[in-house]
Amino acid sequence: MVPWFTLKEGSKYTLVFTFRVTNNIVSGLRYSNTVWKTGIKVYSRKQMLGTFSPQAEPYNHVMFEESTPSGMLVRGSYSVKSK
């Protein structure tokens, strides 16, 4: 499997979601993120983003800054499923 992108160990990153709500109110929008290394779940996070009403301008939601694992024992490839 070819990775979409690669992050170096110990890198800091921030996720930014940009989305538009057009017709109905979106109630209780949540973000879920799960990380696996060699088939073992190593990290899981669920966060409530909020409730959003329709508007012409897009919403921007900035997540907290996080960092990638670092050190000899955590090197390798990771699989991530976000929804």
N, C-alpha and C. Protein backbone atom coordinates (compact mmCIF):
# COMPACT_ATOMS: atom_id res chain seq x y z
N MET A 1 0.85 -1.18 0.00
CA MET A 1 0.00 0.00 0.00
C MET A 1 0.90 1.25 0.00
N VAL A 2 0.60 2.17 -0.86
CA VAL A 2 1.37 3.41 -0.96
C VAL A 2 0.77 4.45 -0.01
N PRO A 3 1.61 5.03 0.88
CA PRO A 3 1.07 6.03 1.82
C PRO A 3 0.69 7.32 1.12
N TRP A 4 -0.34 7.99 1.65
CA TRP A 4 -0.76 9.29 1.12
C TRP A 4 0.26 10.35 1.47
N PHE A 5 0.81 10.24 2.67
CA PHE A 5 1.84 11.18 3.12
C PHE A 5 2.64 10.53 4.23
N THR A 6 3.78 11.11 4.55
CA THR A 6 4.67 10.58 5.58
C THR A 6 5.01 11.69 6.57
N LEU A 7 4.96 11.38 7.85
CA LEU A 7 5.37 12.31 8.90
C LEU A 7 6.62 11.75 9.57
N LYS A 8 7.59 12.60 9.83
CA LYS A 8 8.81 12.16 10.51
C LYS A 8 8.53 11.98 12.00
N GLU A 9 9.33 11.15 12.66
CA GLU A 9 9.12 10.90 14.08
C GLU A 9 9.36 12.18 14.88
N GLY A 10 8.52 12.38 15.88
CA GLY A 10 8.62 13.56 16.73
C GLY A 10 8.06 14.84 16.10
N SER A 11 7.42 14.73 14.92
CA SER A 11 6.86 15.91 14.26
C SER A 11 5.58 16.35 14.94
N LYS A 12 5.37 17.65 15.00
CA LYS A 12 4.12 18.20 15.52
C LYS A 12 3.20 18.47 14.34
N TYR A 13 1.91 18.21 14.53
CA TYR A 13 0.94 18.43 13.46
C TYR A 13 -0.40 18.86 14.06
N THR A 14 -1.19 19.53 13.23
CA THR A 14 -2.52 19.98 13.61
C THR A 14 -3.48 19.66 12.47
N LEU A 15 -4.61 19.06 12.79
CA LEU A 15 -5.64 18.79 11.79
C LEU A 15 -6.60 19.97 11.72
N VAL A 16 -6.95 20.36 10.49
CA VAL A 16 -7.92 21.44 10.28
C VAL A 16 -9.01 20.90 9.36
N PHE A 17 -10.25 20.96 9.82
CA PHE A 17 -11.40 20.52 9.03
C PHE A 17 -12.10 21.75 8.48
N THR A 18 -12.33 21.77 7.17
CA THR A 18 -13.10 22.83 6.53
C THR A 18 -14.31 22.17 5.87
N PHE A 19 -15.50 22.62 6.24
CA PHE A 19 -16.71 22.01 5.70
C PHE A 19 -17.82 23.04 5.65
N ARG A 20 -18.84 22.73 4.84
CA ARG A 20 -19.96 23.63 4.65
C ARG A 20 -21.25 22.89 5.00
N VAL A 21 -22.16 23.57 5.67
CA VAL A 21 -23.48 23.03 6.01
C VAL A 21 -24.49 23.82 5.18
N THR A 22 -25.29 23.11 4.35
CA THR A 22 -26.16 23.82 3.41
C THR A 22 -27.65 23.77 3.73
N ASN A 23 -28.19 22.61 4.07
CA ASN A 23 -29.65 22.51 4.20
C ASN A 23 -30.16 22.37 5.62
N ASN A 24 -29.72 21.34 6.31
CA ASN A 24 -30.22 21.04 7.66
C ASN A 24 -29.13 21.24 8.70
N ILE A 25 -29.54 21.44 9.94
CA ILE A 25 -28.60 21.56 11.04
C ILE A 25 -27.87 20.23 11.24
N VAL A 26 -26.56 20.29 11.43
CA VAL A 26 -25.76 19.10 11.75
C VAL A 26 -25.58 19.10 13.26
N SER A 27 -26.18 18.12 13.90
CA SER A 27 -26.18 18.06 15.36
C SER A 27 -25.20 17.00 15.86
N GLY A 28 -24.32 17.39 16.77
CA GLY A 28 -23.41 16.44 17.41
C GLY A 28 -22.38 15.83 16.49
N LEU A 29 -21.75 16.63 15.66
CA LEU A 29 -20.71 16.13 14.75
C LEU A 29 -19.51 15.67 15.57
N ARG A 30 -19.04 14.44 15.31
CA ARG A 30 -17.92 13.88 16.06
C ARG A 30 -16.80 13.46 15.11
N TYR A 31 -15.58 13.44 15.63
CA TYR A 31 -14.40 12.98 14.90
C TYR A 31 -13.82 11.79 15.64
N SER A 32 -13.49 10.74 14.90
CA SER A 32 -12.92 9.54 15.48
C SER A 32 -11.64 9.19 14.73
N ASN A 33 -10.58 8.85 15.47
CA ASN A 33 -9.28 8.55 14.88
C ASN A 33 -8.69 7.33 15.58
N THR A 34 -8.30 6.31 14.81
CA THR A 34 -7.70 5.11 15.37
C THR A 34 -6.41 4.81 14.62
N VAL A 35 -5.34 4.49 15.35
CA VAL A 35 -4.02 4.23 14.77
C VAL A 35 -3.61 2.80 15.09
N TRP A 36 -3.12 2.08 14.07
CA TRP A 36 -2.64 0.71 14.24
C TRP A 36 -1.19 0.61 13.78
N LYS A 37 -0.44 -0.26 14.46
CA LYS A 37 0.90 -0.63 14.01
C LYS A 37 0.96 -2.15 14.01
N THR A 38 1.23 -2.72 12.86
CA THR A 38 1.27 -4.18 12.65
C THR A 38 0.04 -4.88 13.23
N GLY A 39 -1.14 -4.32 12.99
CA GLY A 39 -2.39 -4.93 13.40
C GLY A 39 -2.78 -4.73 14.85
N ILE A 40 -1.99 -3.99 15.61
CA ILE A 40 -2.29 -3.73 17.02
C ILE A 40 -2.71 -2.28 17.18
N LYS A 41 -3.86 -2.07 17.82
CA LYS A 41 -4.35 -0.71 18.05
C LYS A 41 -3.46 -0.03 19.09
N VAL A 42 -2.84 1.10 18.68
CA VAL A 42 -1.92 1.79 19.59
C VAL A 42 -2.45 3.14 20.07
N TYR A 43 -3.46 3.67 19.39
CA TYR A 43 -3.98 4.99 19.78
C TYR A 43 -5.39 5.13 19.25
N SER A 44 -6.27 5.70 20.06
CA SER A 44 -7.64 5.95 19.64
C SER A 44 -8.11 7.25 20.28
N ARG A 45 -8.83 8.04 19.49
CA ARG A 45 -9.32 9.32 20.00
C ARG A 45 -10.68 9.61 19.40
N LYS A 46 -11.60 10.08 20.24
CA LYS A 46 -12.91 10.54 19.78
C LYS A 46 -13.11 11.93 20.35
N GLN A 47 -13.58 12.84 19.51
CA GLN A 47 -13.79 14.21 19.96
C GLN A 47 -15.07 14.77 19.36
N MET A 48 -15.83 15.46 20.20
CA MET A 48 -17.04 16.13 19.75
C MET A 48 -16.64 17.45 19.11
N LEU A 49 -17.09 17.67 17.87
CA LEU A 49 -16.79 18.92 17.17
C LEU A 49 -17.87 19.96 17.41
N GLY A 50 -19.12 19.52 17.59
CA GLY A 50 -20.18 20.46 17.91
C GLY A 50 -21.40 20.33 17.02
N THR A 51 -22.27 21.32 17.11
CA THR A 51 -23.49 21.40 16.31
C THR A 51 -23.37 22.62 15.41
N PHE A 52 -23.73 22.45 14.14
CA PHE A 52 -23.53 23.51 13.15
C PHE A 52 -24.80 23.76 12.37
N SER A 53 -25.12 25.03 12.15
CA SER A 53 -26.31 25.40 11.39
C SER A 53 -25.90 25.79 9.97
N PRO A 54 -26.85 25.75 9.04
CA PRO A 54 -26.54 26.11 7.65
C PRO A 54 -26.09 27.57 7.54
N GLN A 55 -25.08 27.78 6.72
CA GLN A 55 -24.61 29.14 6.44
C GLN A 55 -23.84 29.13 5.12
N ALA A 56 -23.70 30.29 4.51
CA ALA A 56 -23.04 30.39 3.21
C ALA A 56 -21.53 30.16 3.31
N GLU A 57 -20.90 30.64 4.39
CA GLU A 57 -19.45 30.51 4.53
C GLU A 57 -19.11 29.13 5.12
N PRO A 58 -17.97 28.58 4.73
CA PRO A 58 -17.56 27.28 5.31
C PRO A 58 -17.10 27.43 6.76
N TYR A 59 -17.28 26.37 7.52
CA TYR A 59 -16.79 26.31 8.89
C TYR A 59 -15.34 25.81 8.86
N ASN A 60 -14.52 26.29 9.78
CA ASN A 60 -13.16 25.79 9.99
C ASN A 60 -13.06 25.33 11.43
N HIS A 61 -12.66 24.09 11.63
CA HIS A 61 -12.47 23.57 12.99
C HIS A 61 -11.02 23.11 13.11
N VAL A 62 -10.28 23.70 14.04
CA VAL A 62 -8.87 23.38 14.25
C VAL A 62 -8.75 22.47 15.47
N MET A 63 -8.13 21.31 15.28
CA MET A 63 -7.91 20.36 16.37
C MET A 63 -6.68 20.78 17.16
N PHE A 64 -6.48 20.15 18.32
CA PHE A 64 -5.32 20.42 19.14
C PHE A 64 -4.05 19.90 18.47
N GLU A 65 -2.93 20.56 18.74
CA GLU A 65 -1.65 20.12 18.19
C GLU A 65 -1.24 18.80 18.85
N GLU A 66 -0.76 17.87 18.03
CA GLU A 66 -0.29 16.58 18.52
C GLU A 66 1.09 16.33 17.92
N SER A 67 1.75 15.28 18.38
CA SER A 67 3.05 14.95 17.81
C SER A 67 3.11 13.45 17.50
N THR A 68 3.92 13.11 16.51
CA THR A 68 4.08 11.71 16.13
C THR A 68 5.00 11.03 17.14
N PRO A 69 4.90 9.71 17.28
CA PRO A 69 5.77 9.00 18.22
C PRO A 69 7.24 9.15 17.82
N SER A 70 8.12 9.06 18.80
CA SER A 70 9.55 9.12 18.50
C SER A 70 10.29 8.12 19.37
N GLY A 71 11.44 7.70 18.90
CA GLY A 71 12.26 6.73 19.63
C GLY A 71 12.46 5.46 18.83
N MET A 72 13.43 4.69 19.25
CA MET A 72 13.82 3.48 18.53
C MET A 72 12.70 2.44 18.45
N LEU A 73 11.94 2.27 19.52
CA LEU A 73 10.93 1.21 19.57
C LEU A 73 9.65 1.53 18.80
N VAL A 74 9.42 2.78 18.46
CA VAL A 74 8.16 3.14 17.80
C VAL A 74 8.33 3.43 16.31
N ARG A 75 9.51 3.21 15.77
CA ARG A 75 9.73 3.44 14.35
C ARG A 75 9.01 2.40 13.52
N GLY A 76 8.58 2.80 12.32
CA GLY A 76 7.90 1.88 11.43
C GLY A 76 6.69 2.53 10.80
N SER A 77 5.90 1.73 10.13
CA SER A 77 4.71 2.22 9.44
C SER A 77 3.48 2.05 10.33
N TYR A 78 2.59 3.01 10.24
CA TYR A 78 1.34 3.01 11.00
C TYR A 78 0.18 3.15 10.02
N SER A 79 -0.95 2.55 10.35
CA SER A 79 -2.17 2.71 9.58
C SER A 79 -3.14 3.53 10.42
N VAL A 80 -3.85 4.45 9.77
CA VAL A 80 -4.78 5.33 10.48
C VAL A 80 -6.14 5.28 9.81
N LYS A 81 -7.19 5.19 10.61
CA LYS A 81 -8.55 5.29 10.10
C LYS A 81 -9.23 6.45 10.81
N SER A 82 -9.60 7.46 10.05
CA SER A 82 -10.30 8.63 10.60
C SER A 82 -11.69 8.69 10.01
N LYS A 83 -12.66 9.03 10.86
CA LYS A 83 -14.02 9.23 10.37
C LYS A 83 -14.74 10.21 11.24
